[in-house]
Amino acid sequence: EESEHDSFGAGHAGTALSAALGMATARDLRGTDEHVVAVCGDAAFTC
């Protein structure tokens, strides 16, 4: 709600990769060509 540049809200760890994968898959289903980038901390991979 704060900015169009914030594509996904978060506050808990470990959510980025699943959300980004969902967005990338939706892109593929829709036939668009935007890039999706998940920025994950190293600790996220303990989730």
ModelCIF file with pLDDT and N, C-alpha, C, O atoms, coordinates in Angstrom:
data_MODEL
#
_entry.id   MODEL 
#
_entity.id                         1 
_entity.type                       polymer 
_entity.pdbx_number_of_molecules   1 
#
_entity_poly.entity_id                      1 
_entity_poly.type                           'polypeptide(L)' 
_entity_poly.nstd_linkage                   no 
_entity_poly.nstd_monomer                   no 
_entity_poly.pdbx_seq_one_letter_code       EESEHDSFGAGHAGTALSAALGMATARDLRGTDEHVVAVCGDAAFTC 
_entity_poly.pdbx_seq_one_letter_code_can   EESEHDSFGAGHAGTALSAALGMATARDLRGTDEHVVAVCGDAAFTC 
_entity_poly.pdbx_strand_id                 A 
#
loop_
_entity_poly_seq.entity_id 
_entity_poly_seq.num 
_entity_poly_seq.mon_id 
_entity_poly_seq.hetero 
1 1  GLU n 
1 2  GLU n 
1 3  SER n 
1 4  GLU n 
1 5  HIS n 
1 6  ASP n 
1 7  SER n 
1 8  PHE n 
1 9  GLY n 
1 10 ALA n 
1 11 GLY n 
1 12 HIS n 
1 13 ALA n 
1 14 GLY n 
1 15 THR n 
1 16 ALA n 
1 17 LEU n 
1 18 SER n 
1 19 ALA n 
1 20 ALA n 
1 21 LEU n 
1 22 GLY n 
1 23 MET n 
1 24 ALA n 
1 25 THR n 
1 26 ALA n 
1 27 ARG n 
1 28 ASP n 
1 29 LEU n 
1 30 ARG n 
1 31 GLY n 
1 32 THR n 
1 33 ASP n 
1 34 GLU n 
1 35 HIS n 
1 36 VAL n 
1 37 VAL n 
1 38 ALA n 
1 39 VAL n 
1 40 CYS n 
1 41 GLY n 
1 42 ASP n 
1 43 ALA n 
1 44 ALA n 
1 45 PHE n 
1 46 THR n 
1 47 CYS n 
#
_struct_asym.id          A 
_struct_asym.entity_id   1 
#
loop_
_ma_qa_metric.id 
_ma_qa_metric.mode 
_ma_qa_metric.name 
_ma_qa_metric.software_group_id 
_ma_qa_metric.type 
1 global pLDDT . pLDDT 
2 local  pLDDT . pLDDT 
#
_ma_qa_metric_global.metric_id      1 
_ma_qa_metric_global.metric_value   93.15 
_ma_qa_metric_global.model_id       1 
_ma_qa_metric_global.ordinal_id     1 
#
loop_
_ma_qa_metric_local.label_asym_id 
_ma_qa_metric_local.label_comp_id 
_ma_qa_metric_local.label_seq_id 
_ma_qa_metric_local.metric_id 
_ma_qa_metric_local.metric_value 
_ma_qa_metric_local.model_id 
_ma_qa_metric_local.ordinal_id 
A GLU 1  2 94.00 1 1  
A GLU 2  2 95.00 1 2  
A SER 3  2 96.00 1 3  
A GLU 4  2 96.00 1 4  
A HIS 5  2 97.00 1 5  
A ASP 6  2 95.00 1 6  
A SER 7  2 95.00 1 7  
A PHE 8  2 94.00 1 8  
A GLY 9  2 92.00 1 9  
A ALA 10 2 88.00 1 10 
A GLY 11 2 87.00 1 11 
A HIS 12 2 88.00 1 12 
A ALA 13 2 87.00 1 13 
A GLY 14 2 90.00 1 14 
A THR 15 2 92.00 1 15 
A ALA 16 2 94.00 1 16 
A LEU 17 2 95.00 1 17 
A SER 18 2 96.00 1 18 
A ALA 19 2 96.00 1 19 
A ALA 20 2 97.00 1 20 
A LEU 21 2 97.00 1 21 
A GLY 22 2 97.00 1 22 
A MET 23 2 97.00 1 23 
A ALA 24 2 97.00 1 24 
A THR 25 2 98.00 1 25 
A ALA 26 2 97.00 1 26 
A ARG 27 2 97.00 1 27 
A ASP 28 2 97.00 1 28 
A LEU 29 2 97.00 1 29 
A ARG 30 2 97.00 1 30 
A GLY 31 2 97.00 1 31 
A THR 32 2 97.00 1 32 
A ASP 33 2 96.00 1 33 
A GLU 34 2 97.00 1 34 
A HIS 35 2 98.00 1 35 
A VAL 36 2 98.00 1 36 
A VAL 37 2 98.00 1 37 
A ALA 38 2 97.00 1 38 
A VAL 39 2 95.00 1 39 
A CYS 40 2 93.00 1 40 
A GLY 41 2 85.00 1 41 
A ASP 42 2 79.00 1 42 
A ALA 43 2 79.00 1 43 
A ALA 44 2 83.00 1 44 
A PHE 45 2 84.00 1 45 
A THR 46 2 81.00 1 46 
A CYS 47 2 86.00 1 47 
#
loop_
_atom_site.group_PDB 
_atom_site.id 
_atom_site.type_symbol 
_atom_site.label_atom_id 
_atom_site.label_alt_id 
_atom_site.label_comp_id 
_atom_site.label_asym_id 
_atom_site.label_entity_id 
_atom_site.label_seq_id 
_atom_site.pdbx_PDB_ins_code 
_atom_site.Cartn_x 
_atom_site.Cartn_y 
_atom_site.Cartn_z 
_atom_site.occupancy 
_atom_site.B_iso_or_equiv 
_atom_site.pdbx_formal_charge 
_atom_site.auth_seq_id 
_atom_site.auth_comp_id 
_atom_site.auth_asym_id 
_atom_site.auth_atom_id 
_atom_site.pdbx_PDB_model_num 
ATOM 1   N N  . GLU A 1 1  ? 0.814  -1.207  0.000   1.00 94.00 ? 1  GLU A N  1 
ATOM 2   C CA . GLU A 1 1  ? 0.000  0.000   0.000   1.00 94.00 ? 1  GLU A CA 1 
ATOM 3   C C  . GLU A 1 1  ? 0.856  1.268   0.000   1.00 94.00 ? 1  GLU A C  1 
ATOM 4   O O  . GLU A 1 1  ? 0.361  2.351   -0.316  1.00 94.00 ? 1  GLU A O  1 
ATOM 5   N N  . GLU A 1 2  ? 2.123  1.138   0.349   1.00 95.00 ? 2  GLU A N  1 
ATOM 6   C CA . GLU A 1 2  ? 2.985  2.313   0.453   1.00 95.00 ? 2  GLU A CA 1 
ATOM 7   C C  . GLU A 1 2  ? 3.560  2.729   -0.893  1.00 95.00 ? 2  GLU A C  1 
ATOM 8   O O  . GLU A 1 2  ? 3.733  3.920   -1.148  1.00 95.00 ? 2  GLU A O  1 
ATOM 9   N N  . SER A 1 3  ? 3.858  1.762   -1.759  1.00 96.00 ? 3  SER A N  1 
ATOM 10  C CA . SER A 1 3  ? 4.502  2.097   -3.024  1.00 96.00 ? 3  SER A CA 1 
ATOM 11  C C  . SER A 1 3  ? 4.270  0.994   -4.050  1.00 96.00 ? 3  SER A C  1 
ATOM 12  O O  . SER A 1 3  ? 4.215  -0.187  -3.708  1.00 96.00 ? 3  SER A O  1 
ATOM 13  N N  . GLU A 1 4  ? 4.133  1.398   -5.316  1.00 96.00 ? 4  GLU A N  1 
ATOM 14  C CA . GLU A 1 4  ? 4.017  0.418   -6.391  1.00 96.00 ? 4  GLU A CA 1 
ATOM 15  C C  . GLU A 1 4  ? 5.313  -0.370  -6.579  1.00 96.00 ? 4  GLU A C  1 
ATOM 16  O O  . GLU A 1 4  ? 5.310  -1.424  -7.215  1.00 96.00 ? 4  GLU A O  1 
ATOM 17  N N  . HIS A 1 5  ? 6.409  0.131   -6.035  1.00 97.00 ? 5  HIS A N  1 
ATOM 18  C CA . HIS A 1 5  ? 7.694  -0.566  -6.131  1.00 97.00 ? 5  HIS A CA 1 
ATOM 19  C C  . HIS A 1 5  ? 7.821  -1.688  -5.105  1.00 97.00 ? 5  HIS A C  1 
ATOM 20  O O  . HIS A 1 5  ? 8.745  -2.498  -5.182  1.00 97.00 ? 5  HIS A O  1 
ATOM 21  N N  . ASP A 1 6  ? 6.898  -1.739  -4.145  1.00 95.00 ? 6  ASP A N  1 
ATOM 22  C CA . ASP A 1 6  ? 6.888  -2.812  -3.148  1.00 95.00 ? 6  ASP A CA 1 
ATOM 23  C C  . ASP A 1 6  ? 5.927  -3.896  -3.642  1.00 95.00 ? 6  ASP A C  1 
ATOM 24  O O  . ASP A 1 6  ? 4.718  -3.806  -3.430  1.00 95.00 ? 6  ASP A O  1 
ATOM 25  N N  . SER A 1 7  ? 6.470  -4.907  -4.294  1.00 95.00 ? 7  SER A N  1 
ATOM 26  C CA . SER A 1 7  ? 5.620  -5.901  -4.940  1.00 95.00 ? 7  SER A CA 1 
ATOM 27  C C  . SER A 1 7  ? 5.056  -6.920  -3.964  1.00 95.00 ? 7  SER A C  1 
ATOM 28  O O  . SER A 1 7  ? 4.062  -7.582  -4.263  1.00 95.00 ? 7  SER A O  1 
ATOM 29  N N  . PHE A 1 8  ? 5.689  -7.052  -2.790  1.00 94.00 ? 8  PHE A N  1 
ATOM 30  C CA . PHE A 1 8  ? 5.219  -8.042  -1.823  1.00 94.00 ? 8  PHE A CA 1 
ATOM 31  C C  . PHE A 1 8  ? 5.617  -7.585  -0.431  1.00 94.00 ? 8  PHE A C  1 
ATOM 32  O O  . PHE A 1 8  ? 6.781  -7.265  -0.187  1.00 94.00 ? 8  PHE A O  1 
ATOM 33  N N  . GLY A 1 9  ? 4.655  -7.553  0.483   1.00 92.00 ? 9  GLY A N  1 
ATOM 34  C CA . GLY A 1 9  ? 4.939  -7.160  1.856   1.00 92.00 ? 9  GLY A CA 1 
ATOM 35  C C  . GLY A 1 9  ? 5.459  -8.319  2.670   1.00 92.00 ? 9  GLY A C  1 
ATOM 36  O O  . GLY A 1 9  ? 5.205  -9.478  2.343   1.00 92.00 ? 9  GLY A O  1 
ATOM 37  N N  . ALA A 1 10 ? 6.183  -8.017  3.726   1.00 88.00 ? 10 ALA A N  1 
ATOM 38  C CA . ALA A 1 10 ? 6.731  -9.075  4.580   1.00 88.00 ? 10 ALA A CA 1 
ATOM 39  C C  . ALA A 1 10 ? 7.150  -8.482  5.910   1.00 88.00 ? 10 ALA A C  1 
ATOM 40  O O  . ALA A 1 10 ? 7.254  -7.265  6.063   1.00 88.00 ? 10 ALA A O  1 
ATOM 41  N N  . GLY A 1 11 ? 7.384  -9.353  6.857   1.00 87.00 ? 11 GLY A N  1 
ATOM 42  C CA . GLY A 1 11 ? 7.916  -8.982  8.151   1.00 87.00 ? 11 GLY A CA 1 
ATOM 43  C C  . GLY A 1 11 ? 8.451  -10.207 8.871   1.00 87.00 ? 11 GLY A C  1 
ATOM 44  O O  . GLY A 1 11 ? 9.106  -10.099 9.907   1.00 87.00 ? 11 GLY A O  1 
ATOM 45  N N  . HIS A 1 12 ? 8.162  -11.374 8.307   1.00 88.00 ? 12 HIS A N  1 
ATOM 46  C CA . HIS A 1 12 ? 8.663  -12.638 8.826   1.00 88.00 ? 12 HIS A CA 1 
ATOM 47  C C  . HIS A 1 12 ? 9.653  -13.229 7.828   1.00 88.00 ? 12 HIS A C  1 
ATOM 48  O O  . HIS A 1 12 ? 9.553  -12.986 6.625   1.00 88.00 ? 12 HIS A O  1 
ATOM 49  N N  . ALA A 1 13 ? 10.596 -13.999 8.328   1.00 87.00 ? 13 ALA A N  1 
ATOM 50  C CA . ALA A 1 13 ? 11.663 -14.532 7.484   1.00 87.00 ? 13 ALA A CA 1 
ATOM 51  C C  . ALA A 1 13 ? 11.202 -15.742 6.681   1.00 87.00 ? 13 ALA A C  1 
ATOM 52  O O  . ALA A 1 13 ? 10.287 -16.466 7.071   1.00 87.00 ? 13 ALA A O  1 
ATOM 53  N N  . GLY A 1 14 ? 11.874 -15.936 5.537   1.00 90.00 ? 14 GLY A N  1 
ATOM 54  C CA . GLY A 1 14 ? 11.696 -17.155 4.765   1.00 90.00 ? 14 GLY A CA 1 
ATOM 55  C C  . GLY A 1 14 ? 10.601 -17.119 3.723   1.00 90.00 ? 14 GLY A C  1 
ATOM 56  O O  . GLY A 1 14 ? 10.355 -18.129 3.064   1.00 90.00 ? 14 GLY A O  1 
ATOM 57  N N  . THR A 1 15 ? 9.927  -15.979 3.551   1.00 92.00 ? 15 THR A N  1 
ATOM 58  C CA . THR A 1 15 ? 8.772  -15.937 2.659   1.00 92.00 ? 15 THR A CA 1 
ATOM 59  C C  . THR A 1 15 ? 9.121  -15.555 1.225   1.00 92.00 ? 15 THR A C  1 
ATOM 60  O O  . THR A 1 15 ? 8.323  -15.800 0.321   1.00 92.00 ? 15 THR A O  1 
ATOM 61  N N  . ALA A 1 16 ? 10.291 -14.961 0.992   1.00 94.00 ? 16 ALA A N  1 
ATOM 62  C CA . ALA A 1 16 ? 10.571 -14.337 -0.299  1.00 94.00 ? 16 ALA A CA 1 
ATOM 63  C C  . ALA A 1 16 ? 10.608 -15.328 -1.450  1.00 94.00 ? 16 ALA A C  1 
ATOM 64  O O  . ALA A 1 16 ? 10.034 -15.064 -2.507  1.00 94.00 ? 16 ALA A O  1 
ATOM 65  N N  . LEU A 1 17 ? 11.274 -16.463 -1.268  1.00 95.00 ? 17 LEU A N  1 
ATOM 66  C CA . LEU A 1 17 ? 11.467 -17.371 -2.394  1.00 95.00 ? 17 LEU A CA 1 
ATOM 67  C C  . LEU A 1 17 ? 10.137 -17.961 -2.854  1.00 95.00 ? 17 LEU A C  1 
ATOM 68  O O  . LEU A 1 17 ? 9.885  -18.032 -4.057  1.00 95.00 ? 17 LEU A O  1 
ATOM 69  N N  . SER A 1 18 ? 9.290  -18.382 -1.935  1.00 96.00 ? 18 SER A N  1 
ATOM 70  C CA . SER A 1 18 ? 7.984  -18.919 -2.318  1.00 96.00 ? 18 SER A CA 1 
ATOM 71  C C  . SER A 1 18 ? 7.146  -17.866 -3.026  1.00 96.00 ? 18 SER A C  1 
ATOM 72  O O  . SER A 1 18 ? 6.535  -18.146 -4.056  1.00 96.00 ? 18 SER A O  1 
ATOM 73  N N  . ALA A 1 19 ? 7.116  -16.652 -2.477  1.00 96.00 ? 19 ALA A N  1 
ATOM 74  C CA . ALA A 1 19 ? 6.320  -15.583 -3.087  1.00 96.00 ? 19 ALA A CA 1 
ATOM 75  C C  . ALA A 1 19 ? 6.849  -15.238 -4.470  1.00 96.00 ? 19 ALA A C  1 
ATOM 76  O O  . ALA A 1 19 ? 6.074  -15.090 -5.416  1.00 96.00 ? 19 ALA A O  1 
ATOM 77  N N  . ALA A 1 20 ? 8.171  -15.108 -4.591  1.00 97.00 ? 20 ALA A N  1 
ATOM 78  C CA . ALA A 1 20 ? 8.764  -14.773 -5.888  1.00 97.00 ? 20 ALA A CA 1 
ATOM 79  C C  . ALA A 1 20 ? 8.507  -15.874 -6.901  1.00 97.00 ? 20 ALA A C  1 
ATOM 80  O O  . ALA A 1 20 ? 8.258  -15.589 -8.073  1.00 97.00 ? 20 ALA A O  1 
ATOM 81  N N  . LEU A 1 21 ? 8.563  -17.118 -6.472  1.00 97.00 ? 21 LEU A N  1 
ATOM 82  C CA . LEU A 1 21 ? 8.300  -18.230 -7.371  1.00 97.00 ? 21 LEU A CA 1 
ATOM 83  C C  . LEU A 1 21 ? 6.849  -18.185 -7.853  1.00 97.00 ? 21 LEU A C  1 
ATOM 84  O O  . LEU A 1 21 ? 6.572  -18.456 -9.022  1.00 97.00 ? 21 LEU A O  1 
ATOM 85  N N  . GLY A 1 22 ? 5.937  -17.848 -6.966  1.00 97.00 ? 22 GLY A N  1 
ATOM 86  C CA . GLY A 1 22 ? 4.541  -17.697 -7.370  1.00 97.00 ? 22 GLY A CA 1 
ATOM 87  C C  . GLY A 1 22 ? 4.367  -16.586 -8.390  1.00 97.00 ? 22 GLY A C  1 
ATOM 88  O O  . GLY A 1 22 ? 3.612  -16.729 -9.352  1.00 97.00 ? 22 GLY A O  1 
ATOM 89  N N  . MET A 1 23 ? 5.074  -15.469 -8.175  1.00 97.00 ? 23 MET A N  1 
ATOM 90  C CA . MET A 1 23 ? 4.973  -14.345 -9.100  1.00 97.00 ? 23 MET A CA 1 
ATOM 91  C C  . MET A 1 23 ? 5.589  -14.688 -10.452 1.00 97.00 ? 23 MET A C  1 
ATOM 92  O O  . MET A 1 23 ? 5.043  -14.319 -11.492 1.00 97.00 ? 23 MET A O  1 
ATOM 93  N N  . ALA A 1 24 ? 6.724  -15.391 -10.448 1.00 97.00 ? 24 ALA A N  1 
ATOM 94  C CA . ALA A 1 24 ? 7.366  -15.783 -11.707 1.00 97.00 ? 24 ALA A CA 1 
ATOM 95  C C  . ALA A 1 24 ? 6.495  -16.776 -12.469 1.00 97.00 ? 24 ALA A C  1 
ATOM 96  O O  . ALA A 1 24 ? 6.392  -16.702 -13.693 1.00 97.00 ? 24 ALA A O  1 
ATOM 97  N N  . THR A 1 25 ? 5.878  -17.691 -11.757 1.00 98.00 ? 25 THR A N  1 
ATOM 98  C CA . THR A 1 25 ? 5.004  -18.661 -12.407 1.00 98.00 ? 25 THR A CA 1 
ATOM 99  C C  . THR A 1 25 ? 3.778  -17.974 -12.989 1.00 98.00 ? 25 THR A C  1 
ATOM 100 O O  . THR A 1 25 ? 3.330  -18.315 -14.084 1.00 98.00 ? 25 THR A O  1 
ATOM 101 N N  . ALA A 1 26 ? 3.232  -16.997 -12.248 1.00 97.00 ? 26 ALA A N  1 
ATOM 102 C CA . ALA A 1 26 ? 2.097  -16.224 -12.769 1.00 97.00 ? 26 ALA A CA 1 
ATOM 103 C C  . ALA A 1 26 ? 2.493  -15.465 -14.028 1.00 97.00 ? 26 ALA A C  1 
ATOM 104 O O  . ALA A 1 26 ? 1.715  -15.378 -14.978 1.00 97.00 ? 26 ALA A O  1 
ATOM 105 N N  . ARG A 1 27 ? 3.697  -14.921 -14.032 1.00 97.00 ? 27 ARG A N  1 
ATOM 106 C CA . ARG A 1 27 ? 4.207  -14.255 -15.239 1.00 97.00 ? 27 ARG A CA 1 
ATOM 107 C C  . ARG A 1 27 ? 4.237  -15.213 -16.421 1.00 97.00 ? 27 ARG A C  1 
ATOM 108 O O  . ARG A 1 27 ? 3.811  -14.860 -17.521 1.00 97.00 ? 27 ARG A O  1 
ATOM 109 N N  . ASP A 1 28 ? 4.734  -16.410 -16.200 1.00 97.00 ? 28 ASP A N  1 
ATOM 110 C CA . ASP A 1 28 ? 4.808  -17.402 -17.275 1.00 97.00 ? 28 ASP A CA 1 
ATOM 111 C C  . ASP A 1 28 ? 3.410  -17.776 -17.773 1.00 97.00 ? 28 ASP A C  1 
ATOM 112 O O  . ASP A 1 28 ? 3.197  -17.927 -18.976 1.00 97.00 ? 28 ASP A O  1 
ATOM 113 N N  . LEU A 1 29 ? 2.470  -17.924 -16.855 1.00 97.00 ? 29 LEU A N  1 
ATOM 114 C CA . LEU A 1 29 ? 1.106  -18.275 -17.233 1.00 97.00 ? 29 LEU A CA 1 
ATOM 115 C C  . LEU A 1 29 ? 0.440  -17.161 -18.025 1.00 97.00 ? 29 LEU A C  1 
ATOM 116 O O  . LEU A 1 29 ? -0.362 -17.420 -18.922 1.00 97.00 ? 29 LEU A O  1 
ATOM 117 N N  . ARG A 1 30 ? 0.773  -15.926 -17.692 1.00 97.00 ? 30 ARG A N  1 
ATOM 118 C CA . ARG A 1 30 ? 0.175  -14.773 -18.369 1.00 97.00 ? 30 ARG A CA 1 
ATOM 119 C C  . ARG A 1 30 ? 0.895  -14.419 -19.662 1.00 97.00 ? 30 ARG A C  1 
ATOM 120 O O  . ARG A 1 30 ? 0.366  -13.668 -20.481 1.00 97.00 ? 30 ARG A O  1 
ATOM 121 N N  . GLY A 1 31 ? 2.094  -14.951 -19.853 1.00 97.00 ? 31 GLY A N  1 
ATOM 122 C CA . GLY A 1 31 ? 2.835  -14.681 -21.077 1.00 97.00 ? 31 GLY A CA 1 
ATOM 123 C C  . GLY A 1 31 ? 3.517  -13.336 -21.121 1.00 97.00 ? 31 GLY A C  1 
ATOM 124 O O  . GLY A 1 31 ? 3.772  -12.816 -22.207 1.00 97.00 ? 31 GLY A O  1 
ATOM 125 N N  . THR A 1 32 ? 3.824  -12.746 -19.957 1.00 97.00 ? 32 THR A N  1 
ATOM 126 C CA . THR A 1 32 ? 4.559  -11.476 -19.912 1.00 97.00 ? 32 THR A CA 1 
ATOM 127 C C  . THR A 1 32 ? 6.039  -11.771 -19.700 1.00 97.00 ? 32 THR A C  1 
ATOM 128 O O  . THR A 1 32 ? 6.430  -12.927 -19.538 1.00 97.00 ? 32 THR A O  1 
ATOM 129 N N  . ASP A 1 33 ? 6.873  -10.711 -19.702 1.00 96.00 ? 33 ASP A N  1 
ATOM 130 C CA . ASP A 1 33 ? 8.319  -10.969 -19.698 1.00 96.00 ? 33 ASP A CA 1 
ATOM 131 C C  . ASP A 1 33 ? 9.086  -10.229 -18.607 1.00 96.00 ? 33 ASP A C  1 
ATOM 132 O O  . ASP A 1 33 ? 10.306 -10.095 -18.699 1.00 96.00 ? 33 ASP A O  1 
ATOM 133 N N  . GLU A 1 34 ? 8.396  -9.748  -17.578 1.00 97.00 ? 34 GLU A N  1 
ATOM 134 C CA . GLU A 1 34 ? 9.100  -9.051  -16.509 1.00 97.00 ? 34 GLU A CA 1 
ATOM 135 C C  . GLU A 1 34 ? 10.005 -10.007 -15.731 1.00 97.00 ? 34 GLU A C  1 
ATOM 136 O O  . GLU A 1 34 ? 9.816  -11.223 -15.751 1.00 97.00 ? 34 GLU A O  1 
ATOM 137 N N  . HIS A 1 35 ? 10.986 -9.428  -15.051 1.00 98.00 ? 35 HIS A N  1 
ATOM 138 C CA . HIS A 1 35 ? 11.896 -10.206 -14.214 1.00 98.00 ? 35 HIS A CA 1 
ATOM 139 C C  . HIS A 1 35 ? 11.386 -10.220 -12.771 1.00 98.00 ? 35 HIS A C  1 
ATOM 140 O O  . HIS A 1 35 ? 10.789 -9.252  -12.300 1.00 98.00 ? 35 HIS A O  1 
ATOM 141 N N  . VAL A 1 36 ? 11.630 -11.322 -12.087 1.00 98.00 ? 36 VAL A N  1 
ATOM 142 C CA . VAL A 1 36 ? 11.304 -11.445 -10.668 1.00 98.00 ? 36 VAL A CA 1 
ATOM 143 C C  . VAL A 1 36 ? 12.585 -11.799 -9.929  1.00 98.00 ? 36 VAL A C  1 
ATOM 144 O O  . VAL A 1 36 ? 13.278 -12.755 -10.280 1.00 98.00 ? 36 VAL A O  1 
ATOM 145 N N  . VAL A 1 37 ? 12.887 -11.014 -8.902  1.00 98.00 ? 37 VAL A N  1 
ATOM 146 C CA . VAL A 1 37 ? 14.119 -11.196 -8.135  1.00 98.00 ? 37 VAL A CA 1 
ATOM 147 C C  . VAL A 1 37 ? 13.762 -11.397 -6.669  1.00 98.00 ? 37 VAL A C  1 
ATOM 148 O O  . VAL A 1 37 ? 13.098 -10.551 -6.070  1.00 98.00 ? 37 VAL A O  1 
ATOM 149 N N  . ALA A 1 38 ? 14.196 -12.504 -6.092  1.00 97.00 ? 38 ALA A N  1 
ATOM 150 C CA . ALA A 1 38 ? 14.030 -12.749 -4.658  1.00 97.00 ? 38 ALA A CA 1 
ATOM 151 C C  . ALA A 1 38 ? 15.341 -12.422 -3.956  1.00 97.00 ? 38 ALA A C  1 
ATOM 152 O O  . ALA A 1 38 ? 16.382 -12.992 -4.281  1.00 97.00 ? 38 ALA A O  1 
ATOM 153 N N  . VAL A 1 39 ? 15.293 -11.507 -2.995  1.00 95.00 ? 39 VAL A N  1 
ATOM 154 C CA . VAL A 1 39 ? 16.486 -11.130 -2.230  1.00 95.00 ? 39 VAL A CA 1 
ATOM 155 C C  . VAL A 1 39 ? 16.370 -11.784 -0.856  1.00 95.00 ? 39 VAL A C  1 
ATOM 156 O O  . VAL A 1 39 ? 15.590 -11.341 -0.012  1.00 95.00 ? 39 VAL A O  1 
ATOM 157 N N  . CYS A 1 40 ? 17.146 -12.832 -0.641  1.00 93.00 ? 40 CYS A N  1 
ATOM 158 C CA . CYS A 1 40 ? 17.033 -13.650 0.568   1.00 93.00 ? 40 CYS A CA 1 
ATOM 159 C C  . CYS A 1 40 ? 18.294 -13.530 1.415   1.00 93.00 ? 40 CYS A C  1 
ATOM 160 O O  . CYS A 1 40 ? 19.405 -13.618 0.891   1.00 93.00 ? 40 CYS A O  1 
ATOM 161 N N  . GLY A 1 41 ? 18.131 -13.330 2.710   1.00 85.00 ? 41 GLY A N  1 
ATOM 162 C CA . GLY A 1 41 ? 19.267 -13.402 3.610   1.00 85.00 ? 41 GLY A CA 1 
ATOM 163 C C  . GLY A 1 41 ? 19.713 -14.838 3.774   1.00 85.00 ? 41 GLY A C  1 
ATOM 164 O O  . GLY A 1 41 ? 18.948 -15.772 3.535   1.00 85.00 ? 41 GLY A O  1 
ATOM 165 N N  . ASP A 1 42 ? 20.962 -15.006 4.187   1.00 79.00 ? 42 ASP A N  1 
ATOM 166 C CA . ASP A 1 42 ? 21.457 -16.370 4.371   1.00 79.00 ? 42 ASP A CA 1 
ATOM 167 C C  . ASP A 1 42 ? 20.648 -17.122 5.417   1.00 79.00 ? 42 ASP A C  1 
ATOM 168 O O  . ASP A 1 42 ? 20.460 -18.333 5.298   1.00 79.00 ? 42 ASP A O  1 
ATOM 169 N N  . ALA A 1 43 ? 20.166 -16.423 6.440   1.00 79.00 ? 43 ALA A N  1 
ATOM 170 C CA . ALA A 1 43 ? 19.389 -17.098 7.481   1.00 79.00 ? 43 ALA A CA 1 
ATOM 171 C C  . ALA A 1 43 ? 18.045 -17.585 6.966   1.00 79.00 ? 43 ALA A C  1 
ATOM 172 O O  . ALA A 1 43 ? 17.446 -18.481 7.561   1.00 79.00 ? 43 ALA A O  1 
ATOM 173 N N  . ALA A 1 44 ? 17.554 -17.004 5.852   1.00 83.00 ? 44 ALA A N  1 
ATOM 174 C CA . ALA A 1 44 ? 16.283 -17.471 5.289   1.00 83.00 ? 44 ALA A CA 1 
ATOM 175 C C  . ALA A 1 44 ? 16.370 -18.924 4.868   1.00 83.00 ? 44 ALA A C  1 
ATOM 176 O O  . ALA A 1 44 ? 15.360 -19.627 4.828   1.00 83.00 ? 44 ALA A O  1 
ATOM 177 N N  . PHE A 1 45 ? 17.591 -19.382 4.550   1.00 84.00 ? 45 PHE A N  1 
ATOM 178 C CA . PHE A 1 45 ? 17.744 -20.761 4.103   1.00 84.00 ? 45 PHE A CA 1 
ATOM 179 C C  . PHE A 1 45 ? 17.768 -21.749 5.263   1.00 84.00 ? 45 PHE A C  1 
ATOM 180 O O  . PHE A 1 45 ? 17.921 -22.952 5.049   1.00 84.00 ? 45 PHE A O  1 
ATOM 181 N N  . THR A 1 46 ? 17.619 -21.251 6.491   1.00 81.00 ? 46 THR A N  1 
ATOM 182 C CA . THR A 1 46 ? 17.378 -22.140 7.623   1.00 81.00 ? 46 THR A CA 1 
ATOM 183 C C  . THR A 1 46 ? 15.881 -22.323 7.849   1.00 81.00 ? 46 THR A C  1 
ATOM 184 O O  . THR A 1 46 ? 15.478 -23.148 8.669   1.00 81.00 ? 46 THR A O  1 
ATOM 185 N N  . CYS A 1 47 ? 15.050 -21.563 7.130   1.00 86.00 ? 47 CYS A N  1 
ATOM 186 C CA . CYS A 1 47 ? 13.598 -21.685 7.240   1.00 86.00 ? 47 CYS A CA 1 
ATOM 187 C C  . CYS A 1 47 ? 13.108 -22.830 6.362   1.00 86.00 ? 47 CYS A C  1 
ATOM 188 O O  . CYS A 1 47 ? 11.908 -23.101 6.312   1.00 86.00 ? 47 CYS A O  1 
#
